PDB file of N, CA and C in Angstrom:
ATOM      1  N   UNK A   1      22.630  -7.793  15.179  1.00  0.00           N
ATOM      2  CA  UNK A   1      21.557  -7.522  14.374  1.00  0.00           C
ATOM      3  C   UNK A   1      20.186  -7.113  15.016  1.00  0.00           C
ATOM      4  N   UNK A   2      19.662  -5.968  14.690  1.00  0.00           N
ATOM      5  CA  UNK A   2      18.431  -5.555  15.407  1.00  0.00           C
ATOM      6  C   UNK A   2      16.923  -6.194  14.568  1.00  0.00           C
ATOM      7  N   UNK A   3      16.037  -6.418  15.401  1.00  0.00           N
ATOM      8  CA  UNK A   3      14.721  -7.095  14.610  1.00  0.00           C
ATOM      9  C   UNK A   3      14.525  -6.578  13.228  1.00  0.00           C
ATOM     10  N   UNK A   4      14.983  -5.234  13.125  1.00  0.00           N
ATOM     11  CA  UNK A   4      14.158  -4.680  11.937  1.00  0.00           C
ATOM     12  C   UNK A   4      15.133  -4.832  10.646  1.00  0.00           C
ATOM     13  N   UNK A   5      16.430  -5.600  10.802  1.00  0.00           N
ATOM     14  CA  UNK A   5      17.315  -5.914   9.875  1.00  0.00           C
ATOM     15  C   UNK A   5      18.640  -5.257   9.648  1.00  0.00           C
ATOM     16  N   UNK A   6      18.885  -4.253  10.677  1.00  0.00           N
ATOM     17  CA  UNK A   6      20.282  -3.372  10.892  1.00  0.00           C
ATOM     18  C   UNK A   6      20.583  -3.235  12.087  1.00  0.00           C
ATOM     19  N   UNK A   7      21.630  -2.748  12.054  1.00  0.00           N
ATOM     20  CA  UNK A   7      22.249  -2.342  13.213  1.00  0.00           C
ATOM     21  C   UNK A   7      21.844  -0.851  13.408  1.00  0.00           C
ATOM     22  N   UNK A   8      22.054  -0.209  14.516  1.00  0.00           N
ATOM     23  CA  UNK A   8      21.786   0.982  15.460  1.00  0.00           C
ATOM     24  C   UNK A   8      22.113   2.050  13.921  1.00  0.00           C
ATOM     25  N   UNK A   9      23.633   2.059  14.070  1.00  0.00           N
ATOM     26  CA  UNK A   9      24.355   2.861  12.935  1.00  0.00           C
ATOM     27  C   UNK A   9      23.367   2.942  11.580  1.00  0.00           C
ATOM     28  N   UNK A  10      23.361   1.446  11.211  1.00  0.00           N
ATOM     29  CA  UNK A  10      22.661   1.301   9.442  1.00  0.00           C
ATOM     30  C   UNK A  10      21.251   2.263   9.885  1.00  0.00           C
ATOM     31  N   UNK A  11      20.916   2.222  10.787  1.00  0.00           N
ATOM     32  CA  UNK A  11      19.273   2.795  11.101  1.00  0.00           C
ATOM     33  C   UNK A  11      19.169   3.840  11.005  1.00  0.00           C
ATOM     34  N   UNK A  12      20.483   4.885  11.209  1.00  0.00           N
ATOM     35  CA  UNK A  12      20.419   6.339  11.062  1.00  0.00           C
ATOM     36  C   UNK A  12      20.789   6.862   9.862  1.00  0.00           C
ATOM     37  N   UNK A  13      21.100   5.974   8.515  1.00  0.00           N
ATOM     38  CA  UNK A  13      21.625   6.556   7.203  1.00  0.00           C
ATOM     39  C   UNK A  13      20.351   6.804   6.624  1.00  0.00           C
ATOM     40  N   UNK A  14      20.476   7.639   5.689  1.00  0.00           N
ATOM     41  CA  UNK A  14      19.183   7.932   4.914  1.00  0.00           C
ATOM     42  C   UNK A  14      18.700   6.861   3.980  1.00  0.00           C
ATOM     43  N   UNK A  15      19.665   6.258   3.900  1.00  0.00           N
ATOM     44  CA  UNK A  15      19.327   5.050   2.605  1.00  0.00           C
ATOM     45  C   UNK A  15      18.874   4.128   3.519  1.00  0.00           C
ATOM     46  N   UNK A  16      19.101   3.690   4.534  1.00  0.00           N
ATOM     47  CA  UNK A  16      18.348   2.522   5.382  1.00  0.00           C
ATOM     48  C   UNK A  16      17.035   3.379   5.496  1.00  0.00           C
ATOM     49  N   UNK A  17      16.409   4.748   5.756  1.00  0.00           N
ATOM     50  CA  UNK A  17      15.534   4.840   6.120  1.00  0.00           C
ATOM     51  C   UNK A  17      14.510   5.147   4.827  1.00  0.00           C
ATOM     52  N   UNK A  18      14.799   5.310   3.445  1.00  0.00           N
ATOM     53  CA  UNK A  18      14.690   5.330   2.243  1.00  0.00           C
ATOM     54  C   UNK A  18      13.885   3.811   2.023  1.00  0.00           C
ATOM     55  N   UNK A  19      14.865   2.813   2.069  1.00  0.00           N
ATOM     56  CA  UNK A  19      14.406   1.495   1.784  1.00  0.00           C
ATOM     57  C   UNK A  19      13.305   1.367   2.985  1.00  0.00           C
ATOM     58  N   UNK A  20      13.554   1.650   4.146  1.00  0.00           N
ATOM     59  CA  UNK A  20      12.513   0.932   5.366  1.00  0.00           C
ATOM     60  C   UNK A  20      11.285   1.866   5.555  1.00  0.00           C
ATOM     61  N   UNK A  21      10.965   2.931   4.263  1.00  0.00           N
ATOM     62  CA  UNK A  21       9.896   3.805   4.535  1.00  0.00           C
ATOM     63  C   UNK A  21       9.300   2.862   3.082  1.00  0.00           C
ATOM     64  N   UNK A  22       9.869   2.480   2.423  1.00  0.00           N
ATOM     65  CA  UNK A  22       9.173   1.202   1.183  1.00  0.00           C
ATOM     66  C   UNK A  22       8.588   0.075   1.756  1.00  0.00           C
ATOM     67  N   UNK A  23       9.494  -0.533   2.990  1.00  0.00           N
ATOM     68  CA  UNK A  23       8.510  -1.505   3.488  1.00  0.00           C
ATOM     69  C   UNK A  23       7.573  -0.689   4.274  1.00  0.00           C
ATOM     70  N   UNK A  24       7.540  -0.398   4.796  1.00  0.00           N
ATOM     71  CA  UNK A  24       6.468   0.411   5.892  1.00  0.00           C
ATOM     72  C   UNK A  24       5.205   0.976   5.226  1.00  0.00           C
ATOM     73  N   UNK A  25       5.138   1.018   3.765  1.00  0.00           N
ATOM     74  CA  UNK A  25       3.995   1.315   3.003  1.00  0.00           C
ATOM     75  C   UNK A  25       3.626   0.391   2.373  1.00  0.00           C
ATOM     76  N   UNK A  26       4.400  -1.053   2.262  1.00  0.00           N
ATOM     77  CA  UNK A  26       3.707  -2.286   1.941  1.00  0.00           C
ATOM     78  C   UNK A  26       3.233  -3.156   2.863  1.00  0.00           C
ATOM     79  N   UNK A  27       3.891  -2.734   4.274  1.00  0.00           N
ATOM     80  CA  UNK A  27       3.411  -3.233   5.362  1.00  0.00           C
ATOM     81  C   UNK A  27       1.737  -2.611   5.897  1.00  0.00           C
ATOM     82  N   UNK A  28       1.758  -1.394   5.401  1.00  0.00           N
ATOM     83  CA  UNK A  28       0.433  -1.019   5.267  1.00  0.00           C
ATOM     84  C   UNK A  28      -0.551  -1.089   4.441  1.00  0.00           C
ATOM     85  N   UNK A  29      -0.105  -1.568   3.293  1.00  0.00           N
ATOM     86  CA  UNK A  29      -1.009  -2.021   2.267  1.00  0.00           C
ATOM     87  C   UNK A  29      -1.887  -3.116   2.764  1.00  0.00           C
ATOM     88  N   UNK A  30      -0.681  -4.089   3.199  1.00  0.00           N
ATOM     89  CA  UNK A  30      -1.282  -5.663   3.376  1.00  0.00           C
ATOM     90  C   UNK A  30      -2.168  -5.401   4.857  1.00  0.00           C
ATOM     91  N   UNK A  31      -1.762  -4.677   5.996  1.00  0.00           N
ATOM     92  CA  UNK A  31      -2.659  -4.369   6.901  1.00  0.00           C
ATOM     93  C   UNK A  31      -3.712  -3.625   6.646  1.00  0.00           C
ATOM     94  N   UNK A  32      -4.316  -2.824   5.649  1.00  0.00           N
ATOM     95  CA  UNK A  32      -5.279  -2.513   4.888  1.00  0.00           C
ATOM     96  C   UNK A  32      -6.264  -3.707   4.431  1.00  0.00           C
ATOM     97  N   UNK A  33      -5.679  -4.457   3.565  1.00  0.00           N
ATOM     98  CA  UNK A  33      -5.985  -5.732   3.048  1.00  0.00           C
ATOM     99  C   UNK A  33      -6.639  -6.659   3.801  1.00  0.00           C
ATOM    100  N   UNK A  34      -5.931  -6.744   4.939  1.00  0.00           N
ATOM    101  CA  UNK A  34      -6.411  -7.819   6.092  1.00  0.00           C
ATOM    102  C   UNK A  34      -7.264  -7.526   6.897  1.00  0.00           C
ATOM    103  N   UNK A  35      -7.463  -6.007   7.228  1.00  0.00           N
ATOM    104  CA  UNK A  35      -8.313  -5.423   8.361  1.00  0.00           C
ATOM    105  C   UNK A  35      -9.942  -4.715   7.596  1.00  0.00           C
ATOM    106  N   UNK A  36      -9.633  -4.430   5.941  1.00  0.00           N
ATOM    107  CA  UNK A  36     -10.831  -3.401   5.701  1.00  0.00           C
ATOM    108  C   UNK A  36     -11.094  -4.710   4.761  1.00  0.00           C
ATOM    109  N   UNK A  37     -10.632  -5.705   4.215  1.00  0.00           N
ATOM    110  CA  UNK A  37     -10.959  -6.395   3.165  1.00  0.00           C
ATOM    111  C   UNK A  37     -11.193  -7.952   3.626  1.00  0.00           C
ATOM    112  N   UNK A  38     -10.710  -8.392   4.369  1.00  0.00           N
ATOM    113  CA  UNK A  38     -10.683  -9.332   5.186  1.00  0.00           C
ATOM    114  C   UNK A  38     -10.121 -10.439   4.565  1.00  0.00           C
ATOM    115  N   UNK A  39      -8.925 -10.040   4.013  1.00  0.00           N
ATOM    116  CA  UNK A  39      -7.865 -10.832   3.641  1.00  0.00           C
ATOM    117  C   UNK A  39      -7.158 -12.268   4.178  1.00  0.00           C
ATOM    118  N   UNK A  40      -7.462 -12.142   5.460  1.00  0.00           N
ATOM    119  CA  UNK A  40      -7.069 -13.453   6.046  1.00  0.00           C
ATOM    120  C   UNK A  40      -7.726 -14.519   6.363  1.00  0.00           C
ATOM    121  N   UNK A  41      -8.844 -14.415   5.680  1.00  0.00           N
ATOM    122  CA  UNK A  41      -9.786 -15.045   5.755  1.00  0.00           C
ATOM    123  C   UNK A  41     -10.197 -15.466   4.377  1.00  0.00           C
ATOM    124  N   UNK A  42      -9.864 -16.482   3.436  1.00  0.00           N
ATOM    125  CA  UNK A  42     -10.134 -16.702   2.057  1.00  0.00           C
ATOM    126  C   UNK A  42     -12.161 -17.671   2.070  1.00  0.00           C
ATOM    127  N   UNK A  43     -12.048 -17.340   1.192  1.00  0.00           N
ATOM    128  CA  UNK A  43     -14.022 -18.137   1.039  1.00  0.00           C
ATOM    129  C   UNK A  43     -13.657 -19.180   0.407  1.00  0.00           C
ATOM    130  N   UNK A  44     -12.381 -19.483  -0.766  1.00  0.00           N
ATOM    131  CA  UNK A  44     -12.454 -21.174  -0.978  1.00  0.00           C
ATOM    132  C   UNK A  44     -11.678 -21.503  -0.795  1.00  0.00           C
ATOM    133  N   UNK A  45     -11.921 -23.365  -1.416  1.00  0.00           N
ATOM    134  CA  UNK A  45     -10.318 -24.203  -1.104  1.00  0.00           C
ATOM    135  C   UNK A  45      -9.694 -23.841  -2.287  1.00  0.00           C
ATOM    136  N   UNK A  46      -8.429 -24.478  -2.131  1.00  0.00           N
ATOM    137  CA  UNK A  46      -7.439 -24.652  -3.640  1.00  0.00           C
ATOM    138  C   UNK A  46      -6.755 -23.264  -3.612  1.00  0.00           C
ATOM    139  N   UNK A  47      -5.280 -23.591  -4.163  1.00  0.00           N
ATOM    140  CA  UNK A  47      -4.470 -22.574  -4.287  1.00  0.00           C
ATOM    141  C   UNK A  47      -5.239 -21.538  -5.834  1.00  0.00           C
ATOM    142  N   UNK A  48      -5.619 -22.331  -6.755  1.00  0.00           N
ATOM    143  CA  UNK A  48      -6.100 -21.468  -7.701  1.00  0.00           C
ATOM    144  C   UNK A  48      -6.906 -20.351  -7.188  1.00  0.00           C
ATOM    145  N   UNK A  49      -8.156 -20.878  -6.683  1.00  0.00           N
ATOM    146  CA  UNK A  49      -9.194 -20.176  -6.255  1.00  0.00           C
ATOM    147  C   UNK A  49      -8.731 -18.964  -5.119  1.00  0.00           C
ATOM    148  N   UNK A  50      -8.097 -19.534  -4.048  1.00  0.00           N
ATOM    149  CA  UNK A  50      -7.201 -18.719  -3.239  1.00  0.00           C
ATOM    150  C   UNK A  50      -6.800 -17.274  -3.655  1.00  0.00           C
ATOM    151  N   UNK A  51      -5.851 -17.547  -5.119  1.00  0.00           N
ATOM    152  CA  UNK A  51      -4.991 -16.935  -5.454  1.00  0.00           C
ATOM    153  C   UNK A  51      -5.818 -15.330  -6.620  1.00  0.00           C
ATOM    154  N   UNK A  52      -6.972 -16.391  -6.951  1.00  0.00           N
ATOM    155  CA  UNK A  52      -7.953 -15.388  -7.760  1.00  0.00           C
ATOM    156  C   UNK A  52      -8.837 -14.759  -6.562  1.00  0.00           C
ATOM    157  N   UNK A  53      -8.771 -14.828  -5.175  1.00  0.00           N
ATOM    158  CA  UNK A  53      -9.745 -14.199  -4.341  1.00  0.00           C
ATOM    159  C   UNK A  53      -8.348 -13.053  -4.214  1.00  0.00           C
ATOM    160  N   UNK A  54      -7.165 -13.613  -4.081  1.00  0.00           N
ATOM    161  CA  UNK A  54      -6.269 -12.426  -3.637  1.00  0.00           C
ATOM    162  C   UNK A  54      -5.841 -11.221  -4.623  1.00  0.00           C
ATOM    163  N   UNK A  55      -5.712 -11.883  -6.065  1.00  0.00           N
ATOM    164  CA  UNK A  55      -5.518 -10.800  -7.136  1.00  0.00           C
ATOM    165  C   UNK A  55      -6.789  -9.569  -7.066  1.00  0.00           C
ATOM    166  N   UNK A  56      -8.181 -10.543  -6.784  1.00  0.00           N
ATOM    167  CA  UNK A  56      -9.389  -9.229  -7.127  1.00  0.00           C
ATOM    168  C   UNK A  56      -9.199  -8.548  -5.861  1.00  0.00           C
ATOM    169  N   UNK A  57      -9.137  -8.654  -4.700  1.00  0.00           N
ATOM    170  CA  UNK A  57      -8.955  -8.171  -3.641  1.00  0.00           C
ATOM    171  C   UNK A  57      -7.579  -7.091  -3.963  1.00  0.00           C
ATOM    172  N   UNK A  58      -6.684  -7.009  -4.293  1.00  0.00           N
ATOM    173  CA  UNK A  58      -5.948  -6.422  -4.733  1.00  0.00           C
ATOM    174  C   UNK A  58      -6.114  -5.608  -5.506  1.00  0.00           C
ATOM    175  N   UNK A  59      -7.177  -5.695  -6.763  1.00  0.00           N
ATOM    176  CA  UNK A  59      -7.539  -5.045  -7.754  1.00  0.00           C
ATOM    177  C   UNK A  59      -8.375  -3.880  -7.102  1.00  0.00           C
ATOM    178  N   UNK A  60      -9.350  -4.270  -6.160  1.00  0.00           N
ATOM    179  CA  UNK A  60     -10.208  -3.856  -5.431  1.00  0.00           C
ATOM    180  C   UNK A  60      -9.503  -2.941  -4.766  1.00  0.00           C
ATOM    181  N   UNK A  61      -8.594  -3.205  -4.114  1.00  0.00           N
ATOM    182  CA  UNK A  61      -8.038  -1.944  -3.264  1.00  0.00           C
ATOM    183  C   UNK A  61      -7.729  -1.084  -3.850  1.00  0.00           C
ATOM    184  N   UNK A  62      -6.706  -1.623  -5.019  1.00  0.00           N
ATOM    185  CA  UNK A  62      -6.587  -0.225  -6.011  1.00  0.00           C
ATOM    186  C   UNK A  62      -7.914   0.666  -6.570  1.00  0.00           C
ATOM    187  N   UNK A  63      -8.550   0.103  -6.859  1.00  0.00           N
ATOM    188  CA  UNK A  63      -9.683   0.884  -7.450  1.00  0.00           C
ATOM    189  C   UNK A  63     -10.063   1.797  -6.415  1.00  0.00           C
ATOM    190  N   UNK A  64     -10.126   1.373  -4.977  1.00  0.00           N
ATOM    191  CA  UNK A  64     -10.232   2.182  -3.541  1.00  0.00           C
ATOM    192  C   UNK A  64      -9.843   3.540  -3.877  1.00  0.00           C
ATOM    193  N   UNK A  65      -8.264   2.990  -3.769  1.00  0.00           N
ATOM    194  CA  UNK A  65      -7.485   4.017  -3.712  1.00  0.00           C
ATOM    195  C   UNK A  65      -7.401   5.348  -4.985  1.00  0.00           C
ATOM    196  N   UNK A  66      -7.708   4.329  -5.799  1.00  0.00           N
ATOM    197  CA  UNK A  66      -7.929   5.149  -7.560  1.00  0.00           C
ATOM    198  C   UNK A  66      -8.806   6.495  -7.370  1.00  0.00           C
ATOM    199  N   UNK A  67      -9.885   5.961  -6.823  1.00  0.00           N
ATOM    200  CA  UNK A  67     -10.870   6.678  -6.408  1.00  0.00           C
ATOM    201  C   UNK A  67     -11.145   8.185  -5.445  1.00  0.00           C
ATOM    202  N   UNK A  68      -9.545   7.874  -4.720  1.00  0.00           N
ATOM    203  CA  UNK A  68      -9.672   8.736  -3.908  1.00  0.00           C
ATOM    204  C   UNK A  68      -8.580   9.951  -4.886  1.00  0.00           C
ATOM    205  N   UNK A  69      -8.056   9.618  -6.058  1.00  0.00           N
ATOM    206  CA  UNK A  69      -7.602  10.667  -6.346  1.00  0.00           C
ATOM    207  C   UNK A  69      -8.621  11.754  -7.104  1.00  0.00           C
ATOM    208  N   UNK A  70      -8.175  12.921  -6.814  1.00  0.00           N
ATOM    209  CA  UNK A  70      -8.922  14.040  -7.445  1.00  0.00           C
ATOM    210  C   UNK A  70      -8.511  14.650  -8.692  1.00  0.00           C
ATOM    211  N   UNK A  71      -9.215  15.407  -9.441  1.00  0.00           N
ATOM    212  CA  UNK A  71      -9.245  15.723 -10.881  1.00  0.00           C
ATOM    213  C   UNK A  71      -8.203  16.985 -10.593  1.00  0.00           C
ATOM    214  N   UNK A  72      -7.266  17.577 -11.642  1.00  0.00           N
ATOM    215  CA  UNK A  72      -6.535  18.394 -11.372  1.00  0.00           C
ATOM    216  C   UNK A  72      -7.607  19.645 -10.909  1.00  0.00           C
ATOM    217  N   UNK A  73      -6.820  20.851  -9.953  1.00  0.00           N
ATOM    218  CA  UNK A  73      -7.948  21.969  -9.888  1.00  0.00           C
ATOM    219  C   UNK A  73      -9.153  21.620  -8.831  1.00  0.00           C
ATOM    220  N   UNK A  74      -9.472  20.321  -8.380  1.00  0.00           N
ATOM    221  CA  UNK A  74     -10.470  20.482  -7.533  1.00  0.00           C
ATOM    222  C   UNK A  74      -9.421  20.339  -5.831  1.00  0.00           C
ATOM    223  N   UNK A  75     -10.408  20.817  -4.660  1.00  0.00           N
ATOM    224  CA  UNK A  75      -9.746  20.658  -3.431  1.00  0.00           C
ATOM    225  C   UNK A  75     -10.316  19.507  -2.872  1.00  0.00           C
ATOM    226  N   UNK A  76      -9.590  18.999  -2.220  1.00  0.00           N
ATOM    227  CA  UNK A  76     -10.154  17.992  -1.101  1.00  0.00           C
ATOM    228  C   UNK A  76     -11.494  18.525   0.005  1.00  0.00           C
ATOM    229  N   UNK A  77     -11.907  17.866   0.825  1.00  0.00           N
ATOM    230  CA  UNK A  77     -12.531  18.382   1.929  1.00  0.00           C
ATOM    231  C   UNK A  77     -11.963  18.734   3.011  1.00  0.00           C
ATOM    232  N   UNK A  78     -10.949  17.767   3.326  1.00  0.00           N
ATOM    233  CA  UNK A  78     -10.419  17.709   4.609  1.00  0.00           C
ATOM    234  C   UNK A  78      -8.837  17.746   3.926  1.00  0.00           C
ATOM    235  N   UNK A  79      -7.706  18.162   5.104  1.00  0.00           N
ATOM    236  CA  UNK A  79      -6.489  18.014   4.552  1.00  0.00           C
ATOM    237  C   UNK A  79      -5.983  16.583   4.142  1.00  0.00           C
ATOM    238  N   UNK A  80      -5.439  16.285   3.033  1.00  0.00           N
ATOM    239  CA  UNK A  80      -4.947  15.097   3.058  1.00  0.00           C
ATOM    240  C   UNK A  80      -4.015  14.610   3.605  1.00  0.00           C
ATOM    241  N   UNK A  81      -3.733  13.393   3.564  1.00  0.00           N
ATOM    242  CA  UNK A  81      -2.481  12.628   3.880  1.00  0.00           C
ATOM    243  C   UNK A  81      -1.340  12.844   2.732  1.00  0.00           C
ATOM    244  N   UNK A  82      -0.163  12.566   3.245  1.00  0.00           N
ATOM    245  CA  UNK A  82       0.535  12.202   2.653  1.00  0.00           C
ATOM    246  C   UNK A  82       0.511  11.618   1.701  1.00  0.00           C
ATOM    247  N   UNK A  83       0.608  11.406   0.317  1.00  0.00           N
ATOM    248  CA  UNK A  83       0.743  10.612  -0.986  1.00  0.00           C
ATOM    249  C   UNK A  83       1.177   9.380  -0.577  1.00  0.00           C
ATOM    250  N   UNK A  84       0.883   8.523  -1.334  1.00  0.00           N
ATOM    251  CA  UNK A  84       1.609   6.927  -1.085  1.00  0.00           C
ATOM    252  C   UNK A  84       1.873   6.545  -2.247  1.00  0.00           C
ATOM    253  N   UNK A  85       3.090   5.956  -2.518  1.00  0.00           N
ATOM    254  CA  UNK A  85       3.735   5.585  -3.847  1.00  0.00           C
ATOM    255  C   UNK A  85       2.937   5.086  -4.827  1.00  0.00           C
ATOM    256  N   UNK A  86       1.509   5.043  -4.356  1.00  0.00           N
ATOM    257  CA  UNK A  86       0.873   4.228  -5.528  1.00  0.00           C
ATOM    258  C   UNK A  86       0.406   5.657  -5.846  1.00  0.00           C
ATOM    259  N   UNK A  87      -0.393   6.505  -5.438  1.00  0.00           N
ATOM    260  CA  UNK A  87      -0.873   7.347  -5.688  1.00  0.00           C
ATOM    261  C   UNK A  87       0.244   8.595  -6.942  1.00  0.00           C
ATOM    262  N   UNK A  88       1.321   8.839  -5.743  1.00  0.00           N
ATOM    263  CA  UNK A  88       2.318   8.822  -6.759  1.00  0.00           C
ATOM    264  C   UNK A  88       2.438   8.728  -8.159  1.00  0.00           C
ATOM    265  N   UNK A  89       2.411   7.852  -8.580  1.00  0.00           N
ATOM    266  CA  UNK A  89       2.176   6.886  -9.468  1.00  0.00           C
ATOM    267  C   UNK A  89       0.854   7.241 -10.500  1.00  0.00           C
ATOM    268  N   UNK A  90      -0.137   7.310  -9.695  1.00  0.00           N
ATOM    269  CA  UNK A  90      -1.398   7.918 -10.707  1.00  0.00           C
ATOM    270  C   UNK A  90      -1.755   9.127 -11.466  1.00  0.00           C
ATOM    271  N   UNK A  91      -0.691   9.966 -10.341  1.00  0.00           N
ATOM    272  CA  UNK A  91      -0.726  11.405 -10.618  1.00  0.00           C
ATOM    273  C   UNK A  91       0.698  11.142 -12.042  1.00  0.00           C
ATOM    274  N   UNK A  92       1.689  10.529 -12.192  1.00  0.00           N
ATOM    275  CA  UNK A  92       2.334  10.624 -13.256  1.00  0.00           C
ATOM    276  C   UNK A  92       1.911  10.010 -14.466  1.00  0.00           C
ATOM    277  N   UNK A  93       0.783   9.157 -14.425  1.00  0.00           N
ATOM    278  CA  UNK A  93       0.209   8.551 -15.593  1.00  0.00           C
ATOM    279  C   UNK A  93      -0.891   9.968 -16.293  1.00  0.00           C
ATOM    280  N   UNK A  94      -0.380   9.866 -17.512  1.00  0.00           N
ATOM    281  CA  UNK A  94      -1.259  11.069 -18.613  1.00  0.00           C
ATOM    282  C   UNK A  94      -2.990  10.646 -18.858  1.00  0.00           C
ATOM    283  N   UNK A  95      -3.402  11.672 -18.577  1.00  0.00           N
ATOM    284  CA  UNK A  95      -4.742  11.722 -18.585  1.00  0.00           C
ATOM    285  C   UNK A  95      -5.523  12.249 -19.924  1.00  0.00           C
TER     286      UNK A  95
END
């Protein structure tokens, strides 16, 4: 078994690629919160306060991502990145 949780044959299947894409998205979100929002270092002591900081950091990350959503009919200034799972969810919400 490889480091990534599958054999070489498994990694060539579409099911494995789909599951790994979800994992890659989660890893990117964790990386963003660690690097852009300093999640690795907690400002508080105690589990309850640490949890509150993590929840507020996650909420702030989602707000920043929501602000990147464009209204229908608008065009971004530069070519957009492929939409994340979260962005696709936002686009399905009724306005």
